[in-house]
Amino acid sequence: MKLDVITLDGGKGGSIELSDAIFGIEDIRGDILQRCVTWQLAKRRAGTHKIQVRNEVSRTGKKMYKQKGTGGARHGSRRAAQFVGGAKAHGPVVRSHAFDLPKKIRAMALRHALSSKAKAGALVVLDSVVITEAKTAALRANFAKLGLTNALVIAGPEVDGNFRLAARNIPNVDVLPNAGLNVYDVLRRHTLVLTKDAVDAINARFSEKEAA
C-alpha cells in the first residue's frame, strides 16, 4: 500500500510504500491484541502489595482464656484473622505478575496493531521530526495543522532533543524512538505518526524475524 508523506509544517514530502504484510492486514485479531496488552501491563505491575500474616502481627501471644469451661470457641491467639487487629488470611504477598508470551504472538500483535491504524485512516507518515528550536507553542501549531490532538510519534533511531523538549508539555502526545514501539502505546493513542526512518526500521525489524 502507498501512503503520502507529509512534512511537519503540513507540506508534501512525496510518498512511501508500506508492506501489506505489516500495515495491510484486513482481519484484525482483537484477541491477539488483548493478549499482548495484558502481557505488557502485567509486566509493569510492581507486585509490592502485601498483608501481615500471623507471625508478623505485633500482638500478645498469650492464650486468650482457658481451653475449657467457658462455653465458647477454643482460641489460642489474638493474632488470628477473625479478631480485630489480627492478621489477614489469604491476602496478597509480594510477587511478580509477569507471564510469558511467545515472540511470534508478540510480533503478530504488533503487525495487527499497525494494520488497525492504517485501516482506520489513523496512520500518518512524516518526512522527519527534527526542529531547530524547542518551542512547545510552535510545535503545537504544527500539530494543529496536521490534526494531531492525540498521537504516538515514533521518531526514528533517536528522538531529536529539541522535538522531545517541545513535545513533552503537549498533553496526549507521546514520543518514542524506534526501539520503544509497542502494542499498548500504539492502541492507546488515536493517531500513529511514523517518520520515514521509523517505517524503514519496522520493515527491517520484521524482515529479520521472518529470516530467523
Protein backbone atom coordinates (compact mmCIF):
# COMPACT_ATOMS: atom_id res chain seq x y z
CA MET A 1 0.00 0.00 0.00
CA LYS A 2 1.15 3.52 -0.77
CA LEU A 3 0.81 6.44 1.65
CA ASP A 4 1.58 10.13 1.22
CA VAL A 5 4.45 11.56 3.22
CA ILE A 6 3.97 15.00 4.72
CA THR A 7 6.32 17.44 6.40
CA LEU A 8 5.94 18.78 9.92
CA ASP A 9 4.61 22.09 8.62
CA GLY A 10 1.91 20.37 6.54
CA GLY A 11 3.68 20.33 3.16
CA LYS A 12 4.09 17.41 0.77
CA GLY A 13 7.05 15.10 1.21
CA GLY A 14 6.41 12.54 -1.53
CA SER A 15 5.04 9.05 -0.91
CA ILE A 16 6.15 5.80 0.65
CA GLU A 17 5.34 2.15 0.03
CA LEU A 18 4.14 0.25 3.09
CA SER A 19 4.30 -3.51 3.36
CA ASP A 20 0.89 -5.18 3.17
CA ALA A 21 2.16 -7.92 5.49
CA ILE A 22 2.70 -5.32 8.22
CA PHE A 23 0.27 -2.49 7.50
CA GLY A 24 -2.32 -4.13 5.25
CA ILE A 25 -3.88 -6.89 7.37
CA GLU A 26 -7.65 -6.79 6.88
CA ASP A 27 -8.84 -9.26 9.54
CA ILE A 28 -7.65 -7.61 12.77
CA ARG A 29 -7.33 -10.15 15.60
CA GLY A 30 -8.67 -8.43 18.70
CA ASP A 31 -7.88 -11.47 20.84
CA ILE A 32 -4.19 -11.29 19.92
CA LEU A 33 -4.10 -7.57 20.72
CA GLN A 34 -5.77 -8.21 24.08
CA ARG A 35 -3.26 -10.92 24.98
CA CYS A 36 -0.32 -8.66 24.20
CA VAL A 37 -1.71 -5.64 26.07
CA THR A 38 -2.43 -7.80 29.12
CA TRP A 39 1.12 -9.17 28.94
CA GLN A 40 2.60 -5.65 28.77
CA LEU A 41 0.53 -4.30 31.65
CA ALA A 42 1.26 -7.35 33.80
CA LYS A 43 5.00 -6.74 33.40
CA ARG A 44 4.55 -3.15 34.60
CA ARG A 45 2.90 -4.14 37.87
CA ALA A 46 5.19 -3.71 40.85
CA GLY A 47 3.68 -6.59 42.81
CA THR A 48 4.68 -4.98 46.11
CA HIS A 49 1.23 -5.19 47.75
CA LYS A 50 1.36 -7.26 50.92
CA ILE A 51 -0.56 -8.03 54.10
CA GLN A 52 0.65 -9.13 57.52
CA VAL A 53 0.47 -12.81 58.29
CA ARG A 54 0.12 -14.17 61.82
CA ASN A 55 3.81 -14.25 62.66
CA GLU A 56 4.18 -10.57 61.61
CA VAL A 57 1.33 -9.10 63.67
CA SER A 58 2.51 -7.31 66.81
CA ARG A 59 0.09 -8.67 69.42
CA THR A 60 0.45 -10.72 72.56
CA GLY A 61 0.98 -14.43 72.18
CA LYS A 62 -0.73 -15.19 75.46
CA LYS A 63 -3.68 -17.57 75.33
CA MET A 64 -6.90 -15.55 75.43
CA TYR A 65 -8.67 -17.65 78.04
CA LYS A 66 -8.64 -21.18 79.30
CA GLN A 67 -9.24 -24.01 76.90
CA LYS A 68 -12.30 -25.49 78.57
CA GLY A 69 -15.21 -24.39 80.66
CA THR A 70 -16.07 -21.05 79.00
CA GLY A 71 -18.88 -22.36 76.77
CA GLY A 72 -17.26 -20.60 73.82
CA ALA A 73 -14.96 -21.50 70.97
CA ARG A 74 -11.40 -22.56 71.75
CA HIS A 75 -8.89 -19.84 70.84
CA GLY A 76 -5.17 -19.69 71.39
CA SER A 77 -4.08 -16.31 69.97
CA ARG A 78 -5.44 -12.84 69.29
CA ARG A 79 -3.34 -12.75 66.14
CA ALA A 80 -5.86 -14.93 64.32
CA ALA A 81 -7.66 -13.44 61.32
CA GLN A 82 -11.12 -13.42 62.91
CA PHE A 83 -10.13 -10.87 65.57
CA VAL A 84 -9.91 -7.09 65.14
CA GLY A 85 -6.26 -6.17 64.82
CA GLY A 86 -5.30 -9.69 63.83
CA ALA A 87 -3.67 -10.98 60.67
CA LYS A 88 -5.41 -11.30 57.31
CA ALA A 89 -5.98 -14.72 55.80
CA HIS A 90 -5.07 -15.50 52.19
CA GLY A 91 -4.16 -11.89 51.34
CA PRO A 92 -1.74 -10.64 48.68
CA VAL A 93 2.00 -11.19 49.03
CA VAL A 94 4.99 -9.75 47.19
CA ARG A 95 5.24 -11.45 43.79
CA SER A 96 5.78 -10.87 40.11
CA HIS A 97 2.69 -10.62 37.91
CA ALA A 98 4.66 -11.19 34.70
CA PHE A 99 3.97 -14.17 32.47
CA ASP A 100 5.44 -15.46 29.24
CA LEU A 101 4.05 -14.67 25.80
CA PRO A 102 5.60 -16.29 22.71
CA LYS A 103 7.66 -13.97 20.50
CA LYS A 104 5.58 -14.93 17.45
CA ILE A 105 2.41 -13.80 19.22
CA ARG A 106 4.04 -10.50 20.19
CA ALA A 107 5.19 -9.92 16.61
CA MET A 108 1.75 -10.79 15.28
CA ALA A 109 0.12 -8.40 17.75
CA LEU A 110 2.35 -5.53 16.64
CA ARG A 111 1.55 -6.18 12.97
CA HIS A 112 -2.18 -6.22 13.74
CA ALA A 113 -1.89 -3.02 15.82
CA LEU A 114 -0.09 -1.23 12.97
CA SER A 115 -2.59 -2.53 10.44
CA SER A 116 -5.52 -1.41 12.61
CA LYS A 117 -4.22 2.17 12.49
CA ALA A 118 -3.72 2.03 8.74
CA LYS A 119 -7.17 0.51 8.23
CA ALA A 120 -8.80 3.22 10.36
CA GLY A 121 -7.01 6.01 8.50
CA ALA A 122 -5.17 6.93 11.69
CA LEU A 123 -1.65 6.45 10.31
CA VAL A 124 0.49 9.46 9.37
CA VAL A 125 3.99 9.34 7.87
CA LEU A 126 6.20 12.38 8.39
CA ASP A 127 9.36 13.21 6.49
CA SER A 128 11.22 13.92 9.77
CA VAL A 129 10.65 15.34 13.23
CA VAL A 130 13.74 17.50 13.56
CA ILE A 131 13.18 21.11 14.67
CA THR A 132 15.61 23.96 15.22
CA GLU A 133 14.11 25.34 18.44
CA ALA A 134 12.46 23.64 21.39
CA LYS A 135 9.29 25.75 21.25
CA THR A 136 6.16 23.99 22.50
CA ALA A 137 3.80 26.65 21.08
CA ALA A 138 5.27 26.30 17.59
CA LEU A 139 5.10 22.52 17.67
CA ARG A 140 1.54 22.64 18.97
CA ALA A 141 0.63 24.86 16.00
CA ASN A 142 2.23 22.35 13.61
CA PHE A 143 0.28 19.52 15.20
CA ALA A 144 -2.92 21.55 14.86
CA LYS A 145 -2.28 21.92 11.10
CA LEU A 146 -1.88 18.15 10.84
CA GLY A 147 -4.93 17.49 13.00
CA LEU A 148 -2.91 15.69 15.69
CA THR A 149 -4.51 16.03 19.11
CA ASN A 150 -3.93 12.54 20.50
CA ALA A 151 -0.96 10.79 18.94
CA LEU A 152 2.02 8.49 19.34
CA VAL A 153 5.09 9.68 17.43
CA ILE A 154 7.78 7.15 16.53
CA ALA A 155 10.64 9.48 15.74
CA GLY A 156 13.42 7.25 14.40
CA PRO A 157 16.60 5.69 15.83
CA GLU A 158 16.85 8.58 18.32
CA VAL A 159 14.44 11.35 19.26
CA ASP A 160 15.63 14.84 18.30
CA GLY A 161 16.41 16.71 21.52
CA ASN A 162 14.52 19.89 20.58
CA PHE A 163 11.49 17.90 19.42
CA ARG A 164 11.44 15.88 22.64
CA LEU A 165 11.59 19.02 24.79
CA ALA A 166 8.90 20.78 22.75
CA ALA A 167 6.54 17.79 22.74
CA ARG A 168 6.77 16.79 26.39
CA ASN A 169 4.43 19.56 27.54
CA ILE A 170 1.75 18.76 24.96
CA PRO A 171 -0.96 16.59 26.52
CA ASN A 172 -1.93 13.27 24.91
CA VAL A 173 1.20 13.19 22.75
CA ASP A 174 3.84 10.50 23.31
CA VAL A 175 7.22 10.46 21.56
CA LEU A 176 9.31 7.28 21.37
CA PRO A 177 12.33 6.06 19.41
CA ASN A 178 12.09 3.03 17.13
CA ALA A 179 13.05 0.68 19.95
CA GLY A 180 10.09 1.87 22.03
CA LEU A 181 7.40 0.86 19.53
CA ASN A 182 4.91 -1.37 21.34
CA VAL A 183 1.32 -2.56 21.02
CA TYR A 184 -0.09 -0.85 24.12
CA ASP A 185 1.15 2.65 23.23
CA VAL A 186 0.02 2.25 19.61
CA LEU A 187 -3.52 1.34 20.68
CA ARG A 188 -3.88 3.90 23.49
CA ARG A 189 -3.44 6.88 21.14
CA HIS A 190 -5.84 7.84 18.37
CA THR A 191 -3.20 8.50 15.71
CA LEU A 192 0.09 6.78 14.96
CA VAL A 193 2.76 9.05 13.50
CA LEU A 194 5.80 7.42 11.90
CA THR A 195 8.83 9.03 10.34
CA LYS A 196 10.30 7.57 7.17
CA ASP A 197 13.20 6.25 9.23
CA ALA A 198 10.72 4.56 11.57
CA VAL A 199 8.98 2.84 8.65
CA ASP A 200 12.34 1.56 7.38
CA ALA A 201 13.17 0.29 10.88
CA ILE A 202 9.81 -1.51 11.15
CA ASN A 203 10.33 -3.19 7.79
CA ALA A 204 13.84 -4.25 8.80
CA ARG A 205 12.59 -5.49 12.18
CA PHE A 206 10.04 -7.83 10.66
CA SER A 207 12.27 -8.96 7.81
CA GLU A 208 14.87 -10.09 10.39
CA LYS A 209 12.20 -12.04 12.28
CA GLU A 210 10.98 -13.72 9.12
CA ALA A 211 14.56 -14.63 8.19
CA ALA A 212 15.10 -16.12 11.65
